[in-house]
Amino acid sequence: MTPEAAYDEIHGRLRRWPDVETHDLVAADRSDRLILTSAGEIAEDITIIGDRYGALALSILAAAPGTRIRMHQDPITGERALANNAASLGIDLSTLSWHGLDASLTGGAHLAIGQLPRGLGALDEIAGVIADHAAPAVRVVLGGRQKHMTPSMNDALRAHFREVRAGRGAGKSRALHAEVPVPGAGDPWPRRAVHDGLTLVAHGAAFAGTDLDVGTRFLLTFLDRMPPARAAIDLGCGTGAIAAAYARAHPEARLVASDRSAAATTSAEQTMIANGVAERVRVVRDDGLGSQPDGSADLVLLNPPFHSGNAVTDEIAPRLFADAARVLRPGGELWTVWNSHLRYRPQLERIVGTTRQIGRNASFTVTASVRG
C-alpha cells in the first residue's frame, strides 16, 4: 500500500482534538494527499515539518510501519492530536520522534516534507534549518492550498536552495519542490527589535514576529492600571511582550508565560532574558493553562488569538476564558484585549465574572473581569 492509498483510507477518521473542532474545520485536506504523491518514494528516514494533525506521518506509517520519522509540529495541540489519532487507528508511533526546529530534526535528512506555514518568516527559518543541516542531496516537498500560497514563498525557498519549482496543481492544492541546498544563506533566527525600551525576540513562526502587535500595544497602555500580583499569567504569550512588560513594572511578581506554539515559547524565553526578567518568568508550552493548578493566580493577562492555522474562528477565546476562570483565585482578575466587533463581554461575564471596560479605541476593547 502506498502512503496516498493509506491517506484515502484514514483521512476521514482523523480528528483535530484537542484543537478546536467545528463543522467547517477539517483535520486533513487534499493538500496532504498531494504532498504524499509529490514526495515520491519514501525512504526509511524522513523529516516532516508542519503536519497539522498527523495526516502525513500516519499515512506513511500505515503504509510502511517502522519508517523512522523525525517530526516538528509547532502547536502542542498538533502533537497531541497526532498521538490521539494514532491510538484510535492502532498505528505504532515507536519510530516517530518530535524535535525542535534545529539540527536534530533535519541533520543528514534526504527527504523533508510538510505543510507550508502561514508566514514567510516561518518558511525562511524552516528552509534555513533544512539547508544548513540536511544532506546535500536532500529533496524538499512543501505543499498547501493554493488560496494560501503566494509567489513570495518560492522566493523564500530560493534564498536557501538553488533549484525551486512548483508542481502541478490538484484539488486546489499545490506543492513546491526545492533541491541543492545553500548552507549558511540568509539572516539567522531568532531576530530582535526594541519597542520603547522593551526588547522582543522572535522566531519565524511567532505571531507578529518582532513587531508589537496593535492589540498588545493597546493593552500595554493600561499597564500602570493593572493590579499588582504575586502570581500572574500571560496566557497565549506569543513572543512574551506582555509578560516581560508586566514583570519589569512589578518586580515583586512571579509570572508564567504560556503558549501552545513552540516558536512562541522559544521566542518568549529569549525575550525574558533580553529584558532581564528570566528569573521571575517561567515560560511553558501548553494547551491553554492545562498544566496550571486551580486557583493559583492573582492575575491573568490575555490577548486571545482568533486563528486556528489559516482558519478564522471565535471558538478559541471562550476556552481560554474558561482556563483563566479556573486558575484565578476568588477576586483575581482577567485583563483581556479583544477586537471590539467580537463582543466578548457577555461571555466574559458568564464564564469569569463581573466585567468592566478599561478602555476602548476604534478597533479594540480592554476589559477586566473579576473571578467570583
Protein backbone atom coordinates (compact mmCIF):
# COMPACT_ATOMS: atom_id res chain seq x y z
CA MET A 1 0.00 0.00 0.00
CA THR A 2 1.25 3.48 -0.86
CA PRO A 3 1.04 6.44 1.54
CA GLU A 4 -1.55 8.00 -0.79
CA ALA A 5 -3.71 4.88 -0.58
CA ALA A 6 -3.31 4.85 3.18
CA TYR A 7 -4.36 8.51 3.29
CA ASP A 8 -7.51 7.63 1.34
CA GLU A 9 -8.35 5.03 3.99
CA ILE A 10 -7.67 7.05 7.12
CA HIS A 11 -8.21 10.76 6.40
CA GLY A 12 -11.93 10.65 7.16
CA ARG A 13 -11.20 9.27 10.62
CA LEU A 14 -8.67 11.92 11.63
CA ARG A 15 -9.67 14.44 14.28
CA ARG A 16 -8.28 17.79 15.36
CA TRP A 17 -8.90 17.20 19.08
CA PRO A 18 -7.67 18.68 21.44
CA ASP A 19 -7.60 21.59 19.00
CA VAL A 20 -10.84 23.39 18.13
CA GLU A 21 -13.33 21.22 16.26
CA THR A 22 -16.26 22.67 14.35
CA HIS A 23 -18.19 21.59 11.27
CA ASP A 24 -16.07 23.77 8.96
CA LEU A 25 -12.60 22.96 10.34
CA VAL A 26 -11.01 19.79 8.98
CA ALA A 27 -8.10 17.65 10.17
CA ALA A 28 -6.85 16.87 6.65
CA ASP A 29 -7.41 18.05 3.09
CA ARG A 30 -6.29 17.39 -0.47
CA SER A 31 -3.01 19.21 0.06
CA ASP A 32 -1.90 16.42 2.43
CA ARG A 33 -2.53 13.81 -0.23
CA LEU A 34 -0.76 15.88 -2.87
CA ILE A 35 2.31 16.23 -0.65
CA LEU A 36 2.48 12.46 -0.25
CA THR A 37 2.08 11.93 -4.01
CA SER A 38 4.68 14.58 -4.83
CA ALA A 39 7.22 13.17 -2.38
CA GLY A 40 7.66 10.04 -4.48
CA GLU A 41 9.46 7.11 -2.91
CA ILE A 42 9.58 7.34 0.87
CA ALA A 43 12.97 6.48 2.35
CA GLU A 44 13.47 4.66 5.64
CA ASP A 45 14.17 8.01 7.33
CA ILE A 46 12.05 11.10 6.67
CA THR A 47 11.71 14.57 8.19
CA ILE A 48 8.19 16.04 8.41
CA ILE A 49 7.55 19.68 9.31
CA GLY A 50 4.12 21.21 9.90
CA ASP A 51 1.99 18.06 9.74
CA ARG A 52 -1.11 19.63 11.25
CA TYR A 53 -2.89 16.67 12.87
CA GLY A 54 -0.90 13.69 11.63
CA ALA A 55 -2.27 13.11 8.12
CA LEU A 56 1.22 12.88 6.59
CA ALA A 57 3.02 10.88 9.27
CA LEU A 58 0.16 8.46 9.93
CA SER A 59 -0.38 7.77 6.24
CA ILE A 60 3.31 6.91 5.88
CA LEU A 61 3.33 4.70 8.98
CA ALA A 62 0.13 2.95 7.90
CA ALA A 63 1.73 2.17 4.54
CA ALA A 64 5.23 1.39 5.82
CA PRO A 65 5.31 0.58 9.55
CA GLY A 66 8.73 1.12 11.05
CA THR A 67 9.63 4.14 8.93
CA ARG A 68 11.77 6.46 11.02
CA ILE A 69 10.10 9.86 11.18
CA ARG A 70 11.58 13.00 12.69
CA MET A 71 8.74 15.42 13.26
CA HIS A 72 8.27 19.10 14.07
CA GLN A 73 4.79 20.43 14.86
CA ASP A 74 4.69 23.98 16.14
CA PRO A 75 1.44 23.74 18.21
CA ILE A 76 1.43 21.28 21.09
CA THR A 77 -2.20 20.56 20.17
CA GLY A 78 -0.93 19.17 16.85
CA GLU A 79 1.38 16.76 18.65
CA ARG A 80 -1.42 15.61 20.91
CA ALA A 81 -3.90 15.25 18.05
CA LEU A 82 -1.42 13.11 16.13
CA ALA A 83 -0.94 10.86 19.16
CA ASN A 84 -4.72 10.62 19.68
CA ASN A 85 -5.28 9.77 16.02
CA ALA A 86 -2.55 7.13 16.08
CA ALA A 87 -4.16 5.50 19.11
CA SER A 88 -7.61 5.44 17.51
CA LEU A 89 -6.19 3.99 14.28
CA GLY A 90 -3.92 1.48 16.02
CA ILE A 91 -0.76 2.92 14.42
CA ASP A 92 2.55 2.35 16.24
CA LEU A 93 4.50 5.57 16.93
CA SER A 94 7.64 3.93 18.31
CA THR A 95 9.69 5.07 15.30
CA LEU A 96 8.39 8.66 15.38
CA SER A 97 10.12 11.36 17.41
CA TRP A 98 9.35 15.05 17.92
CA HIS A 99 12.09 17.68 17.65
CA GLY A 100 12.65 21.39 17.84
CA LEU A 101 13.30 23.32 14.66
CA ASP A 102 17.03 22.55 14.72
CA ALA A 103 19.74 20.18 13.57
CA SER A 104 18.25 17.24 15.48
CA LEU A 105 15.25 17.47 13.12
CA THR A 106 16.98 17.84 9.77
CA GLY A 107 20.56 16.60 10.27
CA GLY A 108 21.52 14.32 7.36
CA ALA A 109 17.95 14.20 6.01
CA HIS A 110 17.46 13.11 2.40
CA LEU A 111 13.75 13.91 2.24
CA ALA A 112 11.84 16.67 4.05
CA ILE A 113 8.11 17.16 3.51
CA GLY A 114 5.36 19.15 5.12
CA GLN A 115 2.69 21.80 5.02
CA LEU A 116 3.70 25.31 4.03
CA PRO A 117 3.48 27.65 7.04
CA ARG A 118 1.30 30.75 7.05
CA GLY A 119 4.12 33.29 7.19
CA LEU A 120 7.22 33.95 5.13
CA GLY A 121 9.33 34.28 8.27
CA ALA A 122 8.39 30.76 9.32
CA LEU A 123 9.15 29.44 5.83
CA ASP A 124 12.53 31.20 5.79
CA GLU A 125 13.50 29.62 9.11
CA ILE A 126 12.30 26.16 8.03
CA ALA A 127 14.18 26.39 4.73
CA GLY A 128 17.32 27.54 6.54
CA VAL A 129 17.25 24.69 9.05
CA ILE A 130 16.88 22.16 6.24
CA ALA A 131 19.55 23.75 4.02
CA ASP A 132 22.04 24.11 6.87
CA HIS A 133 21.85 20.56 8.22
CA ALA A 134 20.29 18.15 5.69
CA ALA A 135 22.20 16.01 3.22
CA PRO A 136 23.46 17.79 0.08
CA ALA A 137 21.09 15.61 -1.96
CA VAL A 138 18.02 16.45 0.16
CA ARG A 139 14.66 16.79 -1.58
CA VAL A 140 12.13 19.18 -0.07
CA VAL A 141 8.38 18.99 -0.77
CA LEU A 142 6.15 21.56 0.92
CA GLY A 143 2.51 21.93 -0.06
CA GLY A 144 -0.67 23.77 0.75
CA ARG A 145 -3.97 25.08 -0.52
CA GLN A 146 -3.44 27.39 -3.48
CA LYS A 147 -5.54 30.17 -1.93
CA HIS A 148 -2.96 30.47 0.85
CA MET A 149 0.12 30.36 -1.42
CA THR A 150 2.00 33.33 -2.90
CA PRO A 151 4.96 33.75 -5.30
CA SER A 152 6.94 35.09 -2.34
CA MET A 153 7.05 31.54 -0.96
CA ASN A 154 9.13 30.48 -3.97
CA ASP A 155 11.47 33.40 -3.27
CA ALA A 156 11.82 32.37 0.38
CA LEU A 157 12.90 28.89 -0.70
CA ARG A 158 15.27 30.27 -3.35
CA ALA A 159 17.16 32.10 -0.61
CA HIS A 160 18.30 28.66 0.65
CA PHE A 161 18.09 26.32 -2.38
CA ARG A 162 19.47 26.66 -5.89
CA GLU A 163 16.62 24.74 -7.52
CA VAL A 164 12.99 25.58 -6.72
CA ARG A 165 9.93 24.69 -8.78
CA ALA A 166 6.19 24.49 -8.35
CA GLY A 167 4.45 21.21 -9.08
CA ARG A 168 1.18 20.86 -10.95
CA GLY A 169 -1.91 21.84 -9.02
CA ALA A 170 -4.50 19.27 -8.00
CA GLY A 171 -7.64 19.62 -5.92
CA LYS A 172 -6.98 23.35 -5.38
CA SER A 173 -3.63 22.42 -3.85
CA ARG A 174 -0.03 22.66 -4.99
CA ALA A 175 3.42 21.55 -3.83
CA LEU A 176 6.71 23.42 -4.03
CA HIS A 177 9.91 21.43 -4.62
CA ALA A 178 13.40 22.52 -3.56
CA GLU A 179 16.81 20.91 -4.06
CA VAL A 180 20.54 21.76 -3.90
CA PRO A 181 20.77 23.48 -0.52
CA VAL A 182 22.92 26.56 0.13
CA PRO A 183 24.05 26.26 3.77
CA GLY A 184 24.53 29.45 5.73
CA ALA A 185 22.39 31.63 3.46
CA GLY A 186 20.11 34.33 4.86
CA ASP A 187 19.99 36.08 8.21
CA PRO A 188 19.97 33.88 11.32
CA TRP A 189 16.97 33.28 13.58
CA PRO A 190 15.78 34.36 16.08
CA ARG A 191 15.66 38.10 15.40
CA ARG A 192 15.09 41.03 17.73
CA ALA A 193 13.74 44.56 17.86
CA VAL A 194 13.30 47.19 20.57
CA HIS A 195 9.99 48.98 21.22
CA ASP A 196 10.11 51.84 23.72
CA GLY A 197 12.80 50.05 25.71
CA LEU A 198 11.13 46.61 25.51
CA THR A 199 13.18 44.05 23.55
CA LEU A 200 11.26 41.42 21.60
CA VAL A 201 12.96 38.27 20.29
CA ALA A 202 11.13 36.23 17.66
CA HIS A 203 11.47 33.03 15.69
CA GLY A 204 9.91 32.86 12.24
CA ALA A 205 6.55 31.35 13.17
CA ALA A 206 5.90 33.56 16.21
CA PHE A 207 2.79 35.73 15.86
CA ALA A 208 3.67 39.32 14.83
CA GLY A 209 7.38 38.48 14.75
CA THR A 210 9.50 41.22 16.28
CA ASP A 211 6.64 43.72 15.90
CA LEU A 212 4.46 44.70 18.84
CA ASP A 213 1.00 43.82 17.55
CA VAL A 214 -1.62 46.54 17.85
CA GLY A 215 -3.82 44.71 20.36
CA THR A 216 -0.92 44.08 22.72
CA ARG A 217 0.27 47.65 22.28
CA PHE A 218 -3.18 48.94 23.30
CA LEU A 219 -3.38 46.62 26.32
CA LEU A 220 0.04 47.81 27.50
CA THR A 221 -1.13 51.43 27.54
CA PHE A 222 -3.03 50.39 30.68
CA LEU A 223 -0.03 48.70 32.32
CA ASP A 224 0.02 51.27 35.14
CA ARG A 225 -3.62 50.48 35.97
CA MET A 226 -3.18 46.72 36.20
CA PRO A 227 -3.33 45.42 39.78
CA PRO A 228 -0.11 44.27 41.47
CA ALA A 229 0.04 40.49 41.66
CA ARG A 230 2.29 37.98 43.32
CA ALA A 231 1.35 35.31 40.78
CA ALA A 232 0.41 36.40 37.26
CA ILE A 233 -0.01 34.61 33.94
CA ASP A 234 0.46 35.81 30.37
CA LEU A 235 -1.91 33.43 28.56
CA GLY A 236 -1.19 32.98 24.85
CA CYS A 237 2.06 34.85 25.43
CA GLY A 238 3.41 34.90 21.87
CA THR A 239 6.89 36.44 21.98
CA GLY A 240 6.32 37.39 25.62
CA ALA A 241 5.79 41.15 25.33
CA ILE A 242 3.03 41.35 27.95
CA ALA A 243 4.83 39.12 30.47
CA ALA A 244 8.11 40.99 30.09
CA ALA A 245 6.46 44.40 30.37
CA TYR A 246 4.46 43.40 33.48
CA ALA A 247 7.49 41.78 35.11
CA ARG A 248 9.56 44.94 34.58
CA ALA A 249 6.79 47.11 36.04
CA HIS A 250 6.20 44.79 39.04
CA PRO A 251 9.50 43.48 40.45
CA GLU A 252 7.64 41.55 43.16
CA ALA A 253 5.66 39.48 40.67
CA ARG A 254 6.32 35.92 39.56
CA LEU A 255 4.83 35.05 36.20
CA VAL A 256 4.01 32.12 33.96
CA ALA A 257 4.06 32.84 30.21
CA SER A 258 2.10 30.14 28.39
CA ASP A 259 1.55 29.41 24.69
CA ARG A 260 0.83 26.31 22.64
CA SER A 261 3.36 27.31 19.95
CA ALA A 262 6.96 26.11 20.08
CA ALA A 263 8.06 29.18 18.11
CA ALA A 264 6.27 31.43 20.60
CA THR A 265 7.66 29.85 23.76
CA THR A 266 11.19 29.61 22.38
CA SER A 267 10.93 33.28 21.44
CA ALA A 268 9.45 34.25 24.81
CA GLU A 269 12.29 32.57 26.69
CA GLN A 270 14.76 34.75 24.80
CA THR A 271 12.59 37.84 25.29
CA MET A 272 12.70 37.33 29.07
CA ILE A 273 16.48 37.01 29.00
CA ALA A 274 16.81 40.12 26.82
CA ASN A 275 14.72 42.14 29.30
CA GLY A 276 16.42 40.85 32.43
CA VAL A 277 13.34 39.11 33.90
CA ALA A 278 14.06 35.45 33.09
CA GLU A 279 14.45 34.53 36.78
CA ARG A 280 10.88 35.64 37.50
CA VAL A 281 9.07 34.44 34.37
CA ARG A 282 8.62 30.74 33.67
CA VAL A 283 7.76 30.03 30.03
CA VAL A 284 5.71 26.90 29.34
CA ARG A 285 4.39 25.30 26.16
CA ASP A 286 0.89 24.17 27.00
CA ASP A 287 -2.62 23.79 25.65
CA GLY A 288 -4.13 26.83 27.31
CA LEU A 289 -3.43 26.55 31.04
CA GLY A 290 -3.78 22.79 31.24
CA SER A 291 -0.70 22.38 33.45
CA GLN A 292 -1.59 25.18 35.90
CA PRO A 293 -3.35 24.38 39.20
CA ASP A 294 -6.81 25.64 40.09
CA GLY A 295 -6.87 28.94 41.99
CA SER A 296 -3.14 29.53 41.57
CA ALA A 297 -3.07 33.04 40.03
CA ASP A 298 -3.99 36.55 41.09
CA LEU A 299 -3.97 37.97 37.57
CA VAL A 300 -4.26 36.64 34.02
CA LEU A 301 -3.36 38.82 31.04
CA LEU A 302 -4.72 37.76 27.66
CA ASN A 303 -4.68 38.87 24.03
CA PRO A 304 -6.66 35.92 22.63
CA PRO A 305 -5.95 34.56 19.14
CA PHE A 306 -8.70 34.12 16.58
CA HIS A 307 -6.85 31.92 14.09
CA SER A 308 -6.54 28.14 14.07
CA GLY A 309 -4.00 27.58 11.33
CA ASN A 310 -5.30 29.51 8.33
CA ALA A 311 -8.89 29.47 9.58
CA VAL A 312 -10.53 32.33 11.47
CA THR A 313 -12.62 31.14 14.41
CA ASP A 314 -14.23 32.62 17.51
CA GLU A 315 -14.11 29.26 19.32
CA ILE A 316 -10.65 29.74 20.85
CA ALA A 317 -11.24 32.71 23.15
CA PRO A 318 -14.06 31.13 25.26
CA ARG A 319 -11.81 28.14 26.01
CA LEU A 320 -9.08 30.50 27.20
CA PHE A 321 -11.59 32.48 29.28
CA ALA A 322 -12.61 29.22 30.98
CA ASP A 323 -8.98 28.33 31.66
CA ALA A 324 -8.42 31.75 33.19
CA ALA A 325 -11.50 31.40 35.38
CA ARG A 326 -10.28 28.04 36.67
CA VAL A 327 -6.77 29.20 37.62
CA LEU A 328 -7.79 32.55 39.14
CA ARG A 329 -8.27 32.82 42.88
CA PRO A 330 -11.56 34.37 44.05
CA GLY A 331 -11.21 38.10 43.48
CA GLY A 332 -8.44 37.59 40.91
CA GLU A 333 -8.75 39.41 37.61
CA LEU A 334 -8.57 38.57 33.91
CA TRP A 335 -7.45 41.53 31.80
CA THR A 336 -8.26 40.97 28.14
CA VAL A 337 -7.86 42.93 24.92
CA TRP A 338 -10.13 41.97 22.04
CA ASN A 339 -11.37 43.19 18.68
CA SER A 340 -14.45 45.18 19.59
CA HIS A 341 -16.63 43.66 16.88
CA LEU A 342 -16.28 40.23 18.55
CA ARG A 343 -18.38 41.40 21.52
CA TYR A 344 -16.79 39.09 24.09
CA ARG A 345 -18.14 40.90 27.16
CA PRO A 346 -21.24 38.69 27.70
CA GLN A 347 -19.04 35.59 27.53
CA LEU A 348 -16.56 37.10 29.98
CA GLU A 349 -19.41 37.93 32.37
CA ARG A 350 -20.79 34.40 32.14
CA ILE A 351 -17.51 32.45 32.22
CA VAL A 352 -15.34 34.56 34.55
CA GLY A 353 -17.42 37.13 36.43
CA THR A 354 -18.25 40.80 36.72
CA THR A 355 -16.58 42.62 33.83
CA ARG A 356 -15.78 46.30 33.45
CA GLN A 357 -14.45 48.19 30.47
CA ILE A 358 -10.98 49.63 30.99
CA GLY A 359 -10.55 51.28 27.60
CA ARG A 360 -11.69 51.29 24.00
CA ASN A 361 -10.46 52.71 20.70
CA ALA A 362 -11.61 52.39 17.10
CA SER A 363 -10.58 48.71 16.93
CA PHE A 364 -10.02 47.23 20.38
CA THR A 365 -11.62 46.93 23.80
CA VAL A 366 -9.79 46.21 27.06
CA THR A 367 -11.78 44.70 29.91
CA ALA A 368 -11.11 43.43 33.41
CA SER A 369 -13.18 40.51 34.72
CA VAL A 370 -13.25 39.65 38.44
CA ARG A 371 -13.42 35.98 39.42
CA GLY A 372 -16.37 35.49 41.73
